[in-house]
PDB file of N, CA and C in Angstrom:
ATOM      1  N   UNK A   1     -30.881  55.649 -17.039  1.00  0.00           N
ATOM      2  CA  UNK A   1     -30.321  55.226 -15.763  1.00  0.00           C
ATOM      3  C   UNK A   1     -29.306  56.278 -15.335  1.00  0.00           C
ATOM      4  N   UNK A   2     -29.371  56.593 -14.105  1.00  0.00           N
ATOM      5  CA  UNK A   2     -28.440  57.615 -13.615  1.00  0.00           C
ATOM      6  C   UNK A   2     -27.050  57.033 -13.404  1.00  0.00           C
ATOM      7  N   UNK A   3     -26.121  57.882 -13.146  1.00  0.00           N
ATOM      8  CA  UNK A   3     -24.713  57.489 -12.978  1.00  0.00           C
ATOM      9  C   UNK A   3     -24.563  56.503 -11.829  1.00  0.00           C
ATOM     10  N   UNK A   4     -25.223  56.743 -10.720  1.00  0.00           N
ATOM     11  CA  UNK A   4     -25.109  55.838  -9.568  1.00  0.00           C
ATOM     12  C   UNK A   4     -25.698  54.468  -9.883  1.00  0.00           C
ATOM     13  N   UNK A   5     -26.771  54.463 -10.645  1.00  0.00           N
ATOM     14  CA  UNK A   5     -27.380  53.195 -11.047  1.00  0.00           C
ATOM     15  C   UNK A   5     -26.429  52.373 -11.908  1.00  0.00           C
ATOM     16  N   UNK A   6     -25.763  53.046 -12.848  1.00  0.00           N
ATOM     17  CA  UNK A   6     -24.781  52.345 -13.697  1.00  0.00           C
ATOM     18  C   UNK A   6     -23.606  51.859 -12.868  1.00  0.00           C
ATOM     19  N   UNK A   7     -23.165  52.661 -11.941  1.00  0.00           N
ATOM     20  CA  UNK A   7     -22.048  52.287 -11.065  1.00  0.00           C
ATOM     21  C   UNK A   7     -22.424  51.069 -10.232  1.00  0.00           C
ATOM     22  N   UNK A   8     -23.650  51.076  -9.704  1.00  0.00           N
ATOM     23  CA  UNK A   8     -24.116  49.917  -8.930  1.00  0.00           C
ATOM     24  C   UNK A   8     -24.152  48.651  -9.789  1.00  0.00           C
ATOM     25  N   UNK A   9     -24.604  48.787 -11.007  1.00  0.00           N
ATOM     26  CA  UNK A   9     -24.646  47.637 -11.931  1.00  0.00           C
ATOM     27  C   UNK A   9     -23.244  47.122 -12.232  1.00  0.00           C
ATOM     28  N   UNK A  10     -22.342  48.042 -12.466  1.00  0.00           N
ATOM     29  CA  UNK A  10     -20.958  47.642 -12.766  1.00  0.00           C
ATOM     30  C   UNK A  10     -20.303  46.976 -11.559  1.00  0.00           C
ATOM     31  N   UNK A  11     -20.551  47.533 -10.375  1.00  0.00           N
ATOM     32  CA  UNK A  11     -19.996  46.936  -9.155  1.00  0.00           C
ATOM     33  C   UNK A  11     -20.572  45.532  -8.967  1.00  0.00           C
ATOM     34  N   UNK A  12     -21.886  45.376  -9.170  1.00  0.00           N
ATOM     35  CA  UNK A  12     -22.525  44.066  -9.034  1.00  0.00           C
ATOM     36  C   UNK A  12     -21.928  43.079 -10.045  1.00  0.00           C
ATOM     37  N   UNK A  13     -21.719  43.534 -11.280  1.00  0.00           N
ATOM     38  CA  UNK A  13     -21.134  42.675 -12.315  1.00  0.00           C
ATOM     39  C   UNK A  13     -19.707  42.286 -11.935  1.00  0.00           C
ATOM     40  N   UNK A  14     -18.946  43.242 -11.413  1.00  0.00           N
ATOM     41  CA  UNK A  14     -17.574  42.942 -10.988  1.00  0.00           C
ATOM     42  C   UNK A  14     -17.555  41.963  -9.825  1.00  0.00           C
ATOM     43  N   UNK A  15     -18.476  42.124  -8.891  1.00  0.00           N
ATOM     44  CA  UNK A  15     -18.548  41.196  -7.761  1.00  0.00           C
ATOM     45  C   UNK A  15     -18.922  39.789  -8.232  1.00  0.00           C
ATOM     46  N   UNK A  16     -19.843  39.708  -9.196  1.00  0.00           N
ATOM     47  CA  UNK A  16     -20.192  38.401  -9.777  1.00  0.00           C
ATOM     48  C   UNK A  16     -18.982  37.761 -10.458  1.00  0.00           C
ATOM     49  N   UNK A  17     -18.275  38.575 -11.213  1.00  0.00           N
ATOM     50  CA  UNK A  17     -17.070  38.078 -11.892  1.00  0.00           C
ATOM     51  C   UNK A  17     -16.030  37.621 -10.873  1.00  0.00           C
ATOM     52  N   UNK A  18     -15.852  38.378  -9.805  1.00  0.00           N
ATOM     53  CA  UNK A  18     -14.913  38.011  -8.752  1.00  0.00           C
ATOM     54  C   UNK A  18     -15.314  36.675  -8.123  1.00  0.00           C
ATOM     55  N   UNK A  19     -16.601  36.494  -7.863  1.00  0.00           N
ATOM     56  CA  UNK A  19     -17.092  35.236  -7.304  1.00  0.00           C
ATOM     57  C   UNK A  19     -16.796  34.071  -8.249  1.00  0.00           C
ATOM     58  N   UNK A  20     -17.058  34.250  -9.535  1.00  0.00           N
ATOM     59  CA  UNK A  20     -16.777  33.200 -10.526  1.00  0.00           C
ATOM     60  C   UNK A  20     -15.284  32.889 -10.582  1.00  0.00           C
ATOM     61  N   UNK A  21     -14.472  33.925 -10.535  1.00  0.00           N
ATOM     62  CA  UNK A  21     -13.022  33.716 -10.572  1.00  0.00           C
ATOM     63  C   UNK A  21     -12.541  32.956  -9.336  1.00  0.00           C
ATOM     64  N   UNK A  22     -13.104  33.306  -8.178  1.00  0.00           N
ATOM     65  CA  UNK A  22     -12.739  32.601  -6.941  1.00  0.00           C
ATOM     66  C   UNK A  22     -13.149  31.133  -7.006  1.00  0.00           C
ATOM     67  N   UNK A  23     -14.331  30.868  -7.548  1.00  0.00           N
ATOM     68  CA  UNK A  23     -14.793  29.491  -7.709  1.00  0.00           C
ATOM     69  C   UNK A  23     -13.879  28.732  -8.666  1.00  0.00           C
ATOM     70  N   UNK A  24     -13.520  29.404  -9.754  1.00  0.00           N
ATOM     71  CA  UNK A  24     -12.600  28.781 -10.715  1.00  0.00           C
ATOM     72  C   UNK A  24     -11.253  28.503 -10.086  1.00  0.00           C
ATOM     73  N   UNK A  25     -10.763  29.436  -9.293  1.00  0.00           N
ATOM     74  CA  UNK A  25      -9.485  29.255  -8.611  1.00  0.00           C
ATOM     75  C   UNK A  25      -9.568  28.080  -7.636  1.00  0.00           C
ATOM     76  N   UNK A  26     -10.658  27.995  -6.880  1.00  0.00           N
ATOM     77  CA  UNK A  26     -10.824  26.890  -5.925  1.00  0.00           C
ATOM     78  C   UNK A  26     -10.859  25.553  -6.657  1.00  0.00           C
ATOM     79  N   UNK A  27     -11.547  25.514  -7.803  1.00  0.00           N
ATOM     80  CA  UNK A  27     -11.600  24.283  -8.604  1.00  0.00           C
ATOM     81  C   UNK A  27     -10.198  23.908  -9.088  1.00  0.00           C
ATOM     82  N   UNK A  28      -9.483  24.873  -9.639  1.00  0.00           N
ATOM     83  CA  UNK A  28      -8.133  24.601 -10.137  1.00  0.00           C
ATOM     84  C   UNK A  28      -7.196  24.189  -9.007  1.00  0.00           C
ATOM     85  N   UNK A  29      -7.349  24.820  -7.851  1.00  0.00           N
ATOM     86  CA  UNK A  29      -6.531  24.472  -6.697  1.00  0.00           C
ATOM     87  C   UNK A  29      -6.790  23.023  -6.286  1.00  0.00           C
ATOM     88  N   UNK A  30      -8.054  22.613  -6.293  1.00  0.00           N
ATOM     89  CA  UNK A  30      -8.398  21.224  -5.962  1.00  0.00           C
ATOM     90  C   UNK A  30      -7.824  20.266  -7.000  1.00  0.00           C
ATOM     91  N   UNK A  31      -7.886  20.647  -8.268  1.00  0.00           N
ATOM     92  CA  UNK A  31      -7.319  19.808  -9.328  1.00  0.00           C
ATOM     93  C   UNK A  31      -5.815  19.662  -9.154  1.00  0.00           C
ATOM     94  N   UNK A  32      -5.145  20.764  -8.848  1.00  0.00           N
ATOM     95  CA  UNK A  32      -3.696  20.723  -8.641  1.00  0.00           C
ATOM     96  C   UNK A  32      -3.358  19.812  -7.471  1.00  0.00           C
ATOM     97  N   UNK A  33      -4.094  19.923  -6.391  1.00  0.00           N
ATOM     98  CA  UNK A  33      -3.869  19.077  -5.222  1.00  0.00           C
ATOM     99  C   UNK A  33      -4.039  17.606  -5.593  1.00  0.00           C
ATOM    100  N   UNK A  34      -5.106  17.283  -6.312  1.00  0.00           N
ATOM    101  CA  UNK A  34      -5.356  15.898  -6.723  1.00  0.00           C
ATOM    102  C   UNK A  34      -4.231  15.385  -7.614  1.00  0.00           C
ATOM    103  N   UNK A  35      -3.761  16.220  -8.528  1.00  0.00           N
ATOM    104  CA  UNK A  35      -2.673  15.815  -9.419  1.00  0.00           C
ATOM    105  C   UNK A  35      -1.367  15.625  -8.655  1.00  0.00           C
ATOM    106  N   UNK A  36      -1.131  16.463  -7.651  1.00  0.00           N
ATOM    107  CA  UNK A  36       0.070  16.300  -6.836  1.00  0.00           C
ATOM    108  C   UNK A  36       0.003  15.002  -6.044  1.00  0.00           C
ATOM    109  N   UNK A  37      -1.176  14.683  -5.516  1.00  0.00           N
ATOM    110  CA  UNK A  37      -1.354  13.420  -4.798  1.00  0.00           C
ATOM    111  C   UNK A  37      -1.109  12.235  -5.732  1.00  0.00           C
ATOM    112  N   UNK A  38      -1.647  12.322  -6.931  1.00  0.00           N
ATOM    113  CA  UNK A  38      -1.460  11.249  -7.913  1.00  0.00           C
ATOM    114  C   UNK A  38       0.015  11.119  -8.288  1.00  0.00           C
ATOM    115  N   UNK A  39       0.674  12.250  -8.465  1.00  0.00           N
ATOM    116  CA  UNK A  39       2.098  12.237  -8.798  1.00  0.00           C
ATOM    117  C   UNK A  39       2.900  11.565  -7.690  1.00  0.00           C
ATOM    118  N   UNK A  40       2.578  11.893  -6.443  1.00  0.00           N
ATOM    119  CA  UNK A  40       3.272  11.293  -5.308  1.00  0.00           C
ATOM    120  C   UNK A  40       3.061   9.782  -5.287  1.00  0.00           C
ATOM    121  N   UNK A  41       1.814   9.357  -5.507  1.00  0.00           N
ATOM    122  CA  UNK A  41       1.504   7.926  -5.527  1.00  0.00           C
ATOM    123  C   UNK A  41       2.231   7.229  -6.669  1.00  0.00           C
ATOM    124  N   UNK A  42       2.261   7.851  -7.840  1.00  0.00           N
ATOM    125  CA  UNK A  42       2.950   7.253  -8.989  1.00  0.00           C
ATOM    126  C   UNK A  42       4.461   7.187  -8.765  1.00  0.00           C
ATOM    127  N   UNK A  43       5.013   8.194  -8.110  1.00  0.00           N
ATOM    128  CA  UNK A  43       6.443   8.178  -7.817  1.00  0.00           C
ATOM    129  C   UNK A  43       6.773   7.041  -6.853  1.00  0.00           C
ATOM    130  N   UNK A  44       5.920   6.834  -5.859  1.00  0.00           N
ATOM    131  CA  UNK A  44       6.135   5.739  -4.907  1.00  0.00           C
ATOM    132  C   UNK A  44       6.023   4.394  -5.617  1.00  0.00           C
ATOM    133  N   UNK A  45       5.033   4.257  -6.493  1.00  0.00           N
ATOM    134  CA  UNK A  45       4.880   3.009  -7.247  1.00  0.00           C
ATOM    135  C   UNK A  45       6.076   2.792  -8.172  1.00  0.00           C
ATOM    136  N   UNK A  46       6.558   3.861  -8.773  1.00  0.00           N
ATOM    137  CA  UNK A  46       7.716   3.765  -9.649  1.00  0.00           C
ATOM    138  C   UNK A  46       8.943   3.277  -8.877  1.00  0.00           C
ATOM    139  N   UNK A  47       9.142   3.828  -7.662  1.00  0.00           N
ATOM    140  CA  UNK A  47      10.266   3.383  -6.833  1.00  0.00           C
ATOM    141  C   UNK A  47      10.131   1.904  -6.491  1.00  0.00           C
ATOM    142  N   UNK A  48       8.902   1.486  -6.111  1.00  0.00           N
ATOM    143  CA  UNK A  48       8.673   0.080  -5.769  1.00  0.00           C
ATOM    144  C   UNK A  48       8.936  -0.823  -6.972  1.00  0.00           C
ATOM    145  N   UNK A  49       8.442  -0.427  -8.139  1.00  0.00           N
ATOM    146  CA  UNK A  49       8.652  -1.234  -9.344  1.00  0.00           C
ATOM    147  C   UNK A  49      10.123  -1.293  -9.731  1.00  0.00           C
ATOM    148  N   UNK A  50      10.836  -0.190  -9.546  1.00  0.00           N
ATOM    149  CA  UNK A  50      12.265  -0.174  -9.845  1.00  0.00           C
ATOM    150  C   UNK A  50      13.006  -1.139  -8.933  1.00  0.00           C
ATOM    151  N   UNK A  51      12.666  -1.122  -7.652  1.00  0.00           N
ATOM    152  CA  UNK A  51      13.297  -2.053  -6.704  1.00  0.00           C
ATOM    153  C   UNK A  51      12.951  -3.498  -7.052  1.00  0.00           C
ATOM    154  N   UNK A  52      11.690  -3.741  -7.408  1.00  0.00           N
ATOM    155  CA  UNK A  52      11.286  -5.093  -7.811  1.00  0.00           C
ATOM    156  C   UNK A  52      12.052  -5.549  -9.046  1.00  0.00           C
ATOM    157  N   UNK A  53      12.231  -4.642  -9.998  1.00  0.00           N
ATOM    158  CA  UNK A  53      12.966  -4.981 -11.223  1.00  0.00           C
ATOM    159  C   UNK A  53      14.424  -5.291 -10.911  1.00  0.00           C
ATOM    160  N   UNK A  54      15.033  -4.501 -10.042  1.00  0.00           N
ATOM    161  CA  UNK A  54      16.415  -4.760  -9.648  1.00  0.00           C
ATOM    162  C   UNK A  54      16.528  -6.113  -8.949  1.00  0.00           C
ATOM    163  N   UNK A  55      15.569  -6.410  -8.068  1.00  0.00           N
ATOM    164  CA  UNK A  55      15.577  -7.695  -7.356  1.00  0.00           C
ATOM    165  C   UNK A  55      15.424  -8.847  -8.343  1.00  0.00           C
ATOM    166  N   UNK A  56      14.532  -8.687  -9.309  1.00  0.00           N
ATOM    167  CA  UNK A  56      14.342  -9.732 -10.315  1.00  0.00           C
ATOM    168  C   UNK A  56      15.625  -9.936 -11.120  1.00  0.00           C
ATOM    169  N   UNK A  57      16.296  -8.840 -11.448  1.00  0.00           N
ATOM    170  CA  UNK A  57      17.566  -8.959 -12.172  1.00  0.00           C
ATOM    171  C   UNK A  57      18.602  -9.705 -11.352  1.00  0.00           C
ATOM    172  N   UNK A  58      18.651  -9.434 -10.057  1.00  0.00           N
ATOM    173  CA  UNK A  58      19.580 -10.146  -9.182  1.00  0.00           C
ATOM    174  C   UNK A  58      19.239 -11.628  -9.100  1.00  0.00           C
ATOM    175  N   UNK A  59      17.941 -11.945  -9.006  1.00  0.00           N
ATOM    176  CA  UNK A  59      17.517 -13.340  -8.959  1.00  0.00           C
ATOM    177  C   UNK A  59      17.866 -14.065 -10.259  1.00  0.00           C
ATOM    178  N   UNK A  60      17.677 -13.383 -11.383  1.00  0.00           N
ATOM    179  CA  UNK A  60      18.027 -14.002 -12.672  1.00  0.00           C
ATOM    180  C   UNK A  60      19.535 -14.254 -12.772  1.00  0.00           C
ATOM    181  N   UNK A  61      20.305 -13.287 -12.323  1.00  0.00           N
ATOM    182  CA  UNK A  61      21.762 -13.448 -12.363  1.00  0.00           C
ATOM    183  C   UNK A  61      22.186 -14.610 -11.476  1.00  0.00           C
ATOM    184  N   UNK A  62      21.593 -14.722 -10.301  1.00  0.00           N
ATOM    185  CA  UNK A  62      21.909 -15.834  -9.400  1.00  0.00           C
ATOM    186  C   UNK A  62      21.498 -17.165 -10.024  1.00  0.00           C
ATOM    187  N   UNK A  63      20.333 -17.196 -10.673  1.00  0.00           N
ATOM    188  CA  UNK A  63      19.882 -18.426 -11.337  1.00  0.00           C
ATOM    189  C   UNK A  63      20.852 -18.816 -12.453  1.00  0.00           C
ATOM    190  N   UNK A  64      21.326 -17.825 -13.218  1.00  0.00           N
ATOM    191  CA  UNK A  64      22.296 -18.124 -14.283  1.00  0.00           C
ATOM    192  C   UNK A  64      23.592 -18.698 -13.706  1.00  0.00           C
ATOM    193  N   UNK A  65      24.058 -18.107 -12.592  1.00  0.00           N
ATOM    194  CA  UNK A  65      25.284 -18.611 -11.963  1.00  0.00           C
ATOM    195  C   UNK A  65      25.099 -20.058 -11.510  1.00  0.00           C
ATOM    196  N   UNK A  66      23.954 -20.353 -10.932  1.00  0.00           N
ATOM    197  CA  UNK A  66      23.706 -21.713 -10.458  1.00  0.00           C
ATOM    198  C   UNK A  66      23.586 -22.695 -11.616  1.00  0.00           C
ATOM    199  N   UNK A  67      22.916 -22.281 -12.687  1.00  0.00           N
ATOM    200  CA  UNK A  67      22.797 -23.143 -13.863  1.00  0.00           C
ATOM    201  C   UNK A  67      24.179 -23.386 -14.471  1.00  0.00           C
ATOM    202  N   UNK A  68      24.988 -22.332 -14.576  1.00  0.00           N
ATOM    203  CA  UNK A  68      26.351 -22.488 -15.103  1.00  0.00           C
ATOM    204  C   UNK A  68      27.150 -23.456 -14.237  1.00  0.00           C
ATOM    205  N   UNK A  69      27.014 -23.373 -12.917  1.00  0.00           N
ATOM    206  CA  UNK A  69      27.734 -24.284 -12.018  1.00  0.00           C
ATOM    207  C   UNK A  69      27.275 -25.716 -12.237  1.00  0.00           C
ATOM    208  N   UNK A  70      25.976 -25.917 -12.406  1.00  0.00           N
ATOM    209  CA  UNK A  70      25.465 -27.266 -12.672  1.00  0.00           C
ATOM    210  C   UNK A  70      25.980 -27.803 -14.006  1.00  0.00           C
ATOM    211  N   UNK A  71      26.002 -26.948 -15.029  1.00  0.00           N
ATOM    212  CA  UNK A  71      26.516 -27.385 -16.336  1.00  0.00           C
ATOM    213  C   UNK A  71      27.988 -27.765 -16.248  1.00  0.00           C
ATOM    214  N   UNK A  72      28.764 -26.985 -15.464  1.00  0.00           N
ATOM    215  CA  UNK A  72      30.184 -27.335 -15.293  1.00  0.00           C
ATOM    216  C   UNK A  72      30.333 -28.685 -14.607  1.00  0.00           C
ATOM    217  N   UNK A  73      29.503 -28.943 -13.594  1.00  0.00           N
ATOM    218  CA  UNK A  73      29.557 -30.236 -12.900  1.00  0.00           C
ATOM    219  C   UNK A  73      29.232 -31.371 -13.859  1.00  0.00           C
ATOM    220  N   UNK A  74      28.219 -31.160 -14.696  1.00  0.00           N
ATOM    221  CA  UNK A  74      27.841 -32.188 -15.676  1.00  0.00           C
ATOM    222  C   UNK A  74      28.983 -32.412 -16.659  1.00  0.00           C
ATOM    223  N   UNK A  75      29.584 -31.323 -17.142  1.00  0.00           N
ATOM    224  CA  UNK A  75      30.697 -31.453 -18.080  1.00  0.00           C
ATOM    225  C   UNK A  75      31.885 -32.163 -17.430  1.00  0.00           C
ATOM    226  N   UNK A  76      32.174 -31.815 -16.176  1.00  0.00           N
ATOM    227  CA  UNK A  76      33.260 -32.473 -15.468  1.00  0.00           C
ATOM    228  C   UNK A  76      32.962 -33.946 -15.294  1.00  0.00           C
ATOM    229  N   UNK A  77      31.739 -34.273 -14.966  1.00  0.00           N
ATOM    230  CA  UNK A  77      31.342 -35.670 -14.776  1.00  0.00           C
ATOM    231  C   UNK A  77      31.471 -36.438 -16.085  1.00  0.00           C
ATOM    232  N   UNK A  78      31.032 -35.818 -17.179  1.00  0.00           N
ATOM    233  CA  UNK A  78      31.125 -36.460 -18.485  1.00  0.00           C
ATOM    234  C   UNK A  78      32.561 -36.647 -18.919  1.00  0.00           C
ATOM    235  N   UNK A  79      33.438 -35.710 -18.566  1.00  0.00           N
ATOM    236  CA  UNK A  79      34.837 -35.841 -18.983  1.00  0.00           C
ATOM    237  C   UNK A  79      35.568 -36.899 -18.158  1.00  0.00           C
ATOM    238  N   UNK A  80      35.096 -37.187 -16.968  1.00  0.00           N
ATOM    239  CA  UNK A  80      35.722 -38.217 -16.127  1.00  0.00           C
ATOM    240  C   UNK A  80      35.416 -39.579 -16.690  1.00  0.00           C
ATOM    241  N   UNK A  81      34.232 -39.766 -17.197  1.00  0.00           N
ATOM    242  CA  UNK A  81      33.833 -41.084 -17.709  1.00  0.00           C
ATOM    243  C   UNK A  81      34.439 -41.338 -19.009  1.00  0.00           C
TER     244      UNK A  81
END
């Protein structure tokens, strides 16, 4: 094979490799985008769950206060009798 023939083969091989690399890059770019979308969704869900947990804690604290008030009323009633 002459020098030009080898050069043509090498150029063709390099172009094939470049095409494969571009395809790989596009695939990885799509994967990164999907992972970023998932991360954003998980962060939003995490914020919602954190707020729900805080609200539940507030509701529990309020329930405890009300139960304590009822117990005090019962104790006061029992001490009067």
